[in-house]
PDB file of N, CA and C in Angstrom:
ATOM      1  N   UNK A   1      11.852   3.228  19.128  1.00  0.00           N
ATOM      2  CA  UNK A   1      10.514   2.989  18.651  1.00  0.00           C
ATOM      3  C   UNK A   1      10.596   2.379  17.254  1.00  0.00           C
ATOM      4  N   UNK A   2       9.729   1.440  16.949  1.00  0.00           N
ATOM      5  CA  UNK A   2       9.742   0.798  15.636  1.00  0.00           C
ATOM      6  C   UNK A   2       9.149   1.733  14.585  1.00  0.00           C
ATOM      7  N   UNK A   3       9.425   1.443  13.324  1.00  0.00           N
ATOM      8  CA  UNK A   3       8.904   2.257  12.234  1.00  0.00           C
ATOM      9  C   UNK A   3       7.376   2.253  12.240  1.00  0.00           C
ATOM     10  N   UNK A   4       6.774   1.128  12.564  1.00  0.00           N
ATOM     11  CA  UNK A   4       5.316   1.042  12.615  1.00  0.00           C
ATOM     12  C   UNK A   4       4.756   1.953  13.700  1.00  0.00           C
ATOM     13  N   UNK A   5       5.381   1.957  14.864  1.00  0.00           N
ATOM     14  CA  UNK A   5       4.924   2.830  15.949  1.00  0.00           C
ATOM     15  C   UNK A   5       5.158   4.294  15.592  1.00  0.00           C
ATOM     16  N   UNK A   6       6.272   4.582  14.947  1.00  0.00           N
ATOM     17  CA  UNK A   6       6.542   5.959  14.526  1.00  0.00           C
ATOM     18  C   UNK A   6       5.497   6.434  13.524  1.00  0.00           C
ATOM     19  N   UNK A   7       5.120   5.564  12.599  1.00  0.00           N
ATOM     20  CA  UNK A   7       4.110   5.930  11.605  1.00  0.00           C
ATOM     21  C   UNK A   7       2.790   6.248  12.290  1.00  0.00           C
ATOM     22  N   UNK A   8       2.428   5.462  13.287  1.00  0.00           N
ATOM     23  CA  UNK A   8       1.212   5.739  14.038  1.00  0.00           C
ATOM     24  C   UNK A   8       1.310   7.028  14.819  1.00  0.00           C
ATOM     25  N   UNK A   9       2.459   7.261  15.436  1.00  0.00           N
ATOM     26  CA  UNK A   9       2.656   8.473  16.233  1.00  0.00           C
ATOM     27  C   UNK A   9       2.650   9.726  15.365  1.00  0.00           C
ATOM     28  N   UNK A  10       2.977   9.590  14.084  1.00  0.00           N
ATOM     29  CA  UNK A  10       3.020  10.743  13.187  1.00  0.00           C
ATOM     30  C   UNK A  10       1.653  11.393  13.021  1.00  0.00           C
ATOM     31  N   UNK A  11       0.585  10.666  13.317  1.00  0.00           N
ATOM     32  CA  UNK A  11      -0.766  11.238  13.207  1.00  0.00           C
ATOM     33  C   UNK A  11      -1.373  11.532  14.576  1.00  0.00           C
ATOM     34  N   UNK A  12      -0.548  11.574  15.591  1.00  0.00           N
ATOM     35  CA  UNK A  12      -1.005  11.854  16.951  1.00  0.00           C
ATOM     36  C   UNK A  12      -1.633  13.247  17.026  1.00  0.00           C
ATOM     37  N   UNK A  13      -2.616  13.404  17.894  1.00  0.00           N
ATOM     38  CA  UNK A  13      -3.262  14.713  18.082  1.00  0.00           C
ATOM     39  C   UNK A  13      -2.317  15.748  18.686  1.00  0.00           C
ATOM     40  N   UNK A  14      -1.329  15.297  19.411  1.00  0.00           N
ATOM     41  CA  UNK A  14      -0.358  16.207  20.031  1.00  0.00           C
ATOM     42  C   UNK A  14       0.722  16.537  18.995  1.00  0.00           C
ATOM     43  N   UNK A  15       0.789  17.785  18.545  1.00  0.00           N
ATOM     44  CA  UNK A  15       1.783  18.149  17.533  1.00  0.00           C
ATOM     45  C   UNK A  15       3.216  17.817  17.942  1.00  0.00           C
ATOM     46  N   UNK A  16       3.537  17.895  19.227  1.00  0.00           N
ATOM     47  CA  UNK A  16       4.896  17.583  19.675  1.00  0.00           C
ATOM     48  C   UNK A  16       5.221  16.114  19.383  1.00  0.00           C
ATOM     49  N   UNK A  17       4.270  15.239  19.648  1.00  0.00           N
ATOM     50  CA  UNK A  17       4.464  13.802  19.392  1.00  0.00           C
ATOM     51  C   UNK A  17       4.506  13.543  17.889  1.00  0.00           C
ATOM     52  N   UNK A  18       3.557  14.124  17.150  1.00  0.00           N
ATOM     53  CA  UNK A  18       3.499  13.918  15.704  1.00  0.00           C
ATOM     54  C   UNK A  18       4.732  14.423  14.983  1.00  0.00           C
ATOM     55  N   UNK A  19       5.167  15.621  15.329  1.00  0.00           N
ATOM     56  CA  UNK A  19       6.348  16.192  14.667  1.00  0.00           C
ATOM     57  C   UNK A  19       7.618  15.431  15.018  1.00  0.00           C
ATOM     58  N   UNK A  20       7.740  15.004  16.256  1.00  0.00           N
ATOM     59  CA  UNK A  20       8.910  14.208  16.648  1.00  0.00           C
ATOM     60  C   UNK A  20       8.941  12.900  15.875  1.00  0.00           C
ATOM     61  N   UNK A  21       7.771  12.289  15.683  1.00  0.00           N
ATOM     62  CA  UNK A  21       7.699  11.041  14.921  1.00  0.00           C
ATOM     63  C   UNK A  21       8.073  11.276  13.464  1.00  0.00           C
ATOM     64  N   UNK A  22       7.579  12.358  12.879  1.00  0.00           N
ATOM     65  CA  UNK A  22       7.916  12.690  11.494  1.00  0.00           C
ATOM     66  C   UNK A  22       9.421  12.893  11.339  1.00  0.00           C
ATOM     67  N   UNK A  23      10.027  13.606  12.280  1.00  0.00           N
ATOM     68  CA  UNK A  23      11.478  13.828  12.225  1.00  0.00           C
ATOM     69  C   UNK A  23      12.236  12.508  12.319  1.00  0.00           C
ATOM     70  N   UNK A  24      11.781  11.618  13.180  1.00  0.00           N
ATOM     71  CA  UNK A  24      12.437  10.309  13.313  1.00  0.00           C
ATOM     72  C   UNK A  24      12.261   9.471  12.052  1.00  0.00           C
ATOM     73  N   UNK A  25      11.069   9.509  11.465  1.00  0.00           N
ATOM     74  CA  UNK A  25      10.835   8.773  10.216  1.00  0.00           C
ATOM     75  C   UNK A  25      11.700   9.325   9.095  1.00  0.00           C
ATOM     76  N   UNK A  26      11.834  10.645   9.029  1.00  0.00           N
ATOM     77  CA  UNK A  26      12.678  11.261   7.997  1.00  0.00           C
ATOM     78  C   UNK A  26      14.125  10.785   8.133  1.00  0.00           C
ATOM     79  N   UNK A  27      14.623  10.755   9.358  1.00  0.00           N
ATOM     80  CA  UNK A  27      15.996  10.303   9.592  1.00  0.00           C
ATOM     81  C   UNK A  27      16.154   8.835   9.207  1.00  0.00           C
ATOM     82  N   UNK A  28      15.141   8.028   9.537  1.00  0.00           N
ATOM     83  CA  UNK A  28      15.181   6.610   9.177  1.00  0.00           C
ATOM     84  C   UNK A  28      15.190   6.434   7.663  1.00  0.00           C
ATOM     85  N   UNK A  29      14.337   7.166   6.962  1.00  0.00           N
ATOM     86  CA  UNK A  29      14.295   7.068   5.506  1.00  0.00           C
ATOM     87  C   UNK A  29      15.603   7.508   4.863  1.00  0.00           C
ATOM     88  N   UNK A  30      16.193   8.568   5.385  1.00  0.00           N
ATOM     89  CA  UNK A  30      17.487   9.024   4.855  1.00  0.00           C
ATOM     90  C   UNK A  30      18.556   7.945   5.024  1.00  0.00           C
ATOM     91  N   UNK A  31      18.559   7.305   6.181  1.00  0.00           N
ATOM     92  CA  UNK A  31      19.540   6.231   6.438  1.00  0.00           C
ATOM     93  C   UNK A  31      19.322   5.059   5.500  1.00  0.00           C
ATOM     94  N   UNK A  32      18.056   4.686   5.310  1.00  0.00           N
ATOM     95  CA  UNK A  32      17.750   3.564   4.419  1.00  0.00           C
ATOM     96  C   UNK A  32      18.096   3.887   2.975  1.00  0.00           C
ATOM     97  N   UNK A  33      17.810   5.111   2.547  1.00  0.00           N
ATOM     98  CA  UNK A  33      18.144   5.514   1.180  1.00  0.00           C
ATOM     99  C   UNK A  33      19.654   5.473   0.975  1.00  0.00           C
ATOM    100  N   UNK A  34      20.396   5.994   1.928  1.00  0.00           N
ATOM    101  CA  UNK A  34      21.857   5.992   1.828  1.00  0.00           C
ATOM    102  C   UNK A  34      22.397   4.564   1.748  1.00  0.00           C
ATOM    103  N   UNK A  35      21.855   3.693   2.556  1.00  0.00           N
ATOM    104  CA  UNK A  35      22.264   2.287   2.547  1.00  0.00           C
ATOM    105  C   UNK A  35      22.016   1.652   1.176  1.00  0.00           C
ATOM    106  N   UNK A  36      20.862   1.929   0.594  1.00  0.00           N
ATOM    107  CA  UNK A  36      20.527   1.336  -0.700  1.00  0.00           C
ATOM    108  C   UNK A  36      21.328   1.954  -1.846  1.00  0.00           C
ATOM    109  N   UNK A  37      21.613   3.241  -1.759  1.00  0.00           N
ATOM    110  CA  UNK A  37      22.453   3.863  -2.782  1.00  0.00           C
ATOM    111  C   UNK A  37      23.855   3.263  -2.717  1.00  0.00           C
ATOM    112  N   UNK A  38      24.383   3.086  -1.530  1.00  0.00           N
ATOM    113  CA  UNK A  38      25.706   2.459  -1.383  1.00  0.00           C
ATOM    114  C   UNK A  38      25.698   1.055  -1.981  1.00  0.00           C
ATOM    115  N   UNK A  39      24.652   0.313  -1.720  1.00  0.00           N
ATOM    116  CA  UNK A  39      24.541  -1.042  -2.258  1.00  0.00           C
ATOM    117  C   UNK A  39      24.482  -1.023  -3.786  1.00  0.00           C
ATOM    118  N   UNK A  40      23.684  -0.121  -4.322  1.00  0.00           N
ATOM    119  CA  UNK A  40      23.558  -0.027  -5.777  1.00  0.00           C
ATOM    120  C   UNK A  40      24.890   0.353  -6.422  1.00  0.00           C
ATOM    121  N   UNK A  41      25.589   1.324  -5.867  1.00  0.00           N
ATOM    122  CA  UNK A  41      26.882   1.714  -6.423  1.00  0.00           C
ATOM    123  C   UNK A  41      27.887   0.570  -6.332  1.00  0.00           C
ATOM    124  N   UNK A  42      27.874  -0.133  -5.210  1.00  0.00           N
ATOM    125  CA  UNK A  42      28.774  -1.283  -5.030  1.00  0.00           C
ATOM    126  C   UNK A  42      28.503  -2.347  -6.095  1.00  0.00           C
ATOM    127  N   UNK A  43      27.244  -2.466  -6.513  1.00  0.00           N
ATOM    128  CA  UNK A  43      26.862  -3.462  -7.519  1.00  0.00           C
ATOM    129  C   UNK A  43      26.982  -2.931  -8.939  1.00  0.00           C
ATOM    130  N   UNK A  44      27.542  -1.733  -9.083  1.00  0.00           N
ATOM    131  CA  UNK A  44      27.821  -1.197 -10.413  1.00  0.00           C
ATOM    132  C   UNK A  44      26.721  -0.375 -11.046  1.00  0.00           C
ATOM    133  N   UNK A  45      25.712  -0.020 -10.299  1.00  0.00           N
ATOM    134  CA  UNK A  45      24.650   0.793 -10.861  1.00  0.00           C
ATOM    135  C   UNK A  45      25.169   2.182 -11.208  1.00  0.00           C
ATOM    136  N   UNK A  46      24.632   2.740 -12.280  1.00  0.00           N
ATOM    137  CA  UNK A  46      24.973   4.116 -12.656  1.00  0.00           C
ATOM    138  C   UNK A  46      24.130   5.089 -11.841  1.00  0.00           C
ATOM    139  N   UNK A  47      24.551   6.350 -11.847  1.00  0.00           N
ATOM    140  CA  UNK A  47      23.770   7.368 -11.164  1.00  0.00           C
ATOM    141  C   UNK A  47      22.400   7.515 -11.808  1.00  0.00           C
ATOM    142  N   UNK A  48      22.321   7.320 -13.109  1.00  0.00           N
ATOM    143  CA  UNK A  48      21.035   7.421 -13.804  1.00  0.00           C
ATOM    144  C   UNK A  48      20.086   6.316 -13.345  1.00  0.00           C
ATOM    145  N   UNK A  49      20.592   5.092 -13.210  1.00  0.00           N
ATOM    146  CA  UNK A  49      19.745   3.991 -12.743  1.00  0.00           C
ATOM    147  C   UNK A  49      19.203   4.269 -11.335  1.00  0.00           C
ATOM    148  N   UNK A  50      20.087   4.746 -10.466  1.00  0.00           N
ATOM    149  CA  UNK A  50      19.679   5.065  -9.091  1.00  0.00           C
ATOM    150  C   UNK A  50      18.643   6.182  -9.112  1.00  0.00           C
ATOM    151  N   UNK A  51      18.910   7.228  -9.870  1.00  0.00           N
ATOM    152  CA  UNK A  51      17.996   8.365  -9.950  1.00  0.00           C
ATOM    153  C   UNK A  51      16.631   7.957 -10.466  1.00  0.00           C
ATOM    154  N   UNK A  52      16.603   7.088 -11.470  1.00  0.00           N
ATOM    155  CA  UNK A  52      15.333   6.638 -12.035  1.00  0.00           C
ATOM    156  C   UNK A  52      14.473   5.950 -10.980  1.00  0.00           C
ATOM    157  N   UNK A  53      15.080   5.094 -10.174  1.00  0.00           N
ATOM    158  CA  UNK A  53      14.335   4.384  -9.141  1.00  0.00           C
ATOM    159  C   UNK A  53      13.875   5.339  -8.043  1.00  0.00           C
ATOM    160  N   UNK A  54      14.714   6.313  -7.689  1.00  0.00           N
ATOM    161  CA  UNK A  54      14.366   7.270  -6.638  1.00  0.00           C
ATOM    162  C   UNK A  54      13.408   8.356  -7.122  1.00  0.00           C
ATOM    163  N   UNK A  55      13.245   8.478  -8.428  1.00  0.00           N
ATOM    164  CA  UNK A  55      12.352   9.498  -8.969  1.00  0.00           C
ATOM    165  C   UNK A  55      12.929  10.898  -8.914  1.00  0.00           C
ATOM    166  N   UNK A  56      14.257  10.987  -9.051  1.00  0.00           N
ATOM    167  CA  UNK A  56      14.948  12.274  -9.066  1.00  0.00           C
ATOM    168  C   UNK A  56      15.844  12.332 -10.296  1.00  0.00           C
ATOM    169  N   UNK A  57      16.455  13.475 -10.525  1.00  0.00           N
ATOM    170  CA  UNK A  57      17.383  13.579 -11.651  1.00  0.00           C
ATOM    171  C   UNK A  57      18.710  12.908 -11.307  1.00  0.00           C
ATOM    172  N   UNK A  58      19.459  12.565 -12.346  1.00  0.00           N
ATOM    173  CA  UNK A  58      20.787  11.988 -12.148  1.00  0.00           C
ATOM    174  C   UNK A  58      21.660  12.963 -11.380  1.00  0.00           C
ATOM    175  N   UNK A  59      21.533  14.231 -11.720  1.00  0.00           N
ATOM    176  CA  UNK A  59      22.332  15.254 -11.053  1.00  0.00           C
ATOM    177  C   UNK A  59      22.003  15.339  -9.566  1.00  0.00           C
ATOM    178  N   UNK A  60      20.735  15.239  -9.221  1.00  0.00           N
ATOM    179  CA  UNK A  60      20.333  15.321  -7.806  1.00  0.00           C
ATOM    180  C   UNK A  60      20.880  14.137  -7.017  1.00  0.00           C
ATOM    181  N   UNK A  61      20.809  12.939  -7.597  1.00  0.00           N
ATOM    182  CA  UNK A  61      21.335  11.757  -6.911  1.00  0.00           C
ATOM    183  C   UNK A  61      22.843  11.873  -6.727  1.00  0.00           C
ATOM    184  N   UNK A  62      23.525  12.299  -7.774  1.00  0.00           N
ATOM    185  CA  UNK A  62      24.979  12.426  -7.705  1.00  0.00           C
ATOM    186  C   UNK A  62      25.386  13.518  -6.729  1.00  0.00           C
ATOM    187  N   UNK A  63      24.666  14.630  -6.729  1.00  0.00           N
ATOM    188  CA  UNK A  63      24.995  15.734  -5.819  1.00  0.00           C
ATOM    189  C   UNK A  63      24.856  15.283  -4.365  1.00  0.00           C
ATOM    190  N   UNK A  64      23.814  14.507  -4.085  1.00  0.00           N
ATOM    191  CA  UNK A  64      23.562  14.078  -2.709  1.00  0.00           C
ATOM    192  C   UNK A  64      24.542  13.009  -2.238  1.00  0.00           C
ATOM    193  N   UNK A  65      24.920  12.084  -3.126  1.00  0.00           N
ATOM    194  CA  UNK A  65      25.699  10.922  -2.699  1.00  0.00           C
ATOM    195  C   UNK A  65      27.049  10.748  -3.387  1.00  0.00           C
ATOM    196  N   UNK A  66      27.339  11.533  -4.418  1.00  0.00           N
ATOM    197  CA  UNK A  66      28.535  11.330  -5.218  1.00  0.00           C
ATOM    198  C   UNK A  66      29.844  11.316  -4.458  1.00  0.00           C
ATOM    199  N   UNK A  67      29.982  12.201  -3.500  1.00  0.00           N
ATOM    200  CA  UNK A  67      31.239  12.278  -2.746  1.00  0.00           C
ATOM    201  C   UNK A  67      31.438  11.045  -1.865  1.00  0.00           C
ATOM    202  N   UNK A  68      30.352  10.474  -1.398  1.00  0.00           N
ATOM    203  CA  UNK A  68      30.461   9.312  -0.504  1.00  0.00           C
ATOM    204  C   UNK A  68      30.591   8.002  -1.255  1.00  0.00           C
ATOM    205  N   UNK A  69      29.974   7.917  -2.429  1.00  0.00           N
ATOM    206  CA  UNK A  69      29.895   6.620  -3.082  1.00  0.00           C
ATOM    207  C   UNK A  69      30.434   6.604  -4.507  1.00  0.00           C
ATOM    208  N   UNK A  70      31.391   7.438  -4.798  1.00  0.00           N
ATOM    209  CA  UNK A  70      32.083   7.351  -6.078  1.00  0.00           C
ATOM    210  C   UNK A  70      31.453   8.191  -7.162  1.00  0.00           C
ATOM    211  N   UNK A  71      32.304   8.649  -8.051  1.00  0.00           N
ATOM    212  CA  UNK A  71      31.858   9.564  -9.104  1.00  0.00           C
ATOM    213  C   UNK A  71      31.789   8.916 -10.473  1.00  0.00           C
ATOM    214  N   UNK A  72      32.172   7.673 -10.581  1.00  0.00           N
ATOM    215  CA  UNK A  72      32.208   7.028 -11.880  1.00  0.00           C
ATOM    216  C   UNK A  72      30.835   6.798 -12.484  1.00  0.00           C
ATOM    217  N   UNK A  73      30.856   6.306 -13.692  1.00  0.00           N
ATOM    218  CA  UNK A  73      29.674   5.960 -14.459  1.00  0.00           C
ATOM    219  C   UNK A  73      28.710   7.090 -14.456  1.00  0.00           C
TER     220      UNK A  73
END
């Protein structure tokens, strides 16, 4: 299902459909965030720069992704 269809399904009257759509959207967002964090680290971004854009602390960004995408900077 496309992201647009999932977004529509998230407001479905049937909780089973709505919750399944929300879970799928959450997984999609996590994948997209991971992809962008990897890209930012590859391009030399610091954890602080990434955290600022994501609206989280530097520590939270590093804790979530540090082991996968390097500990430097």
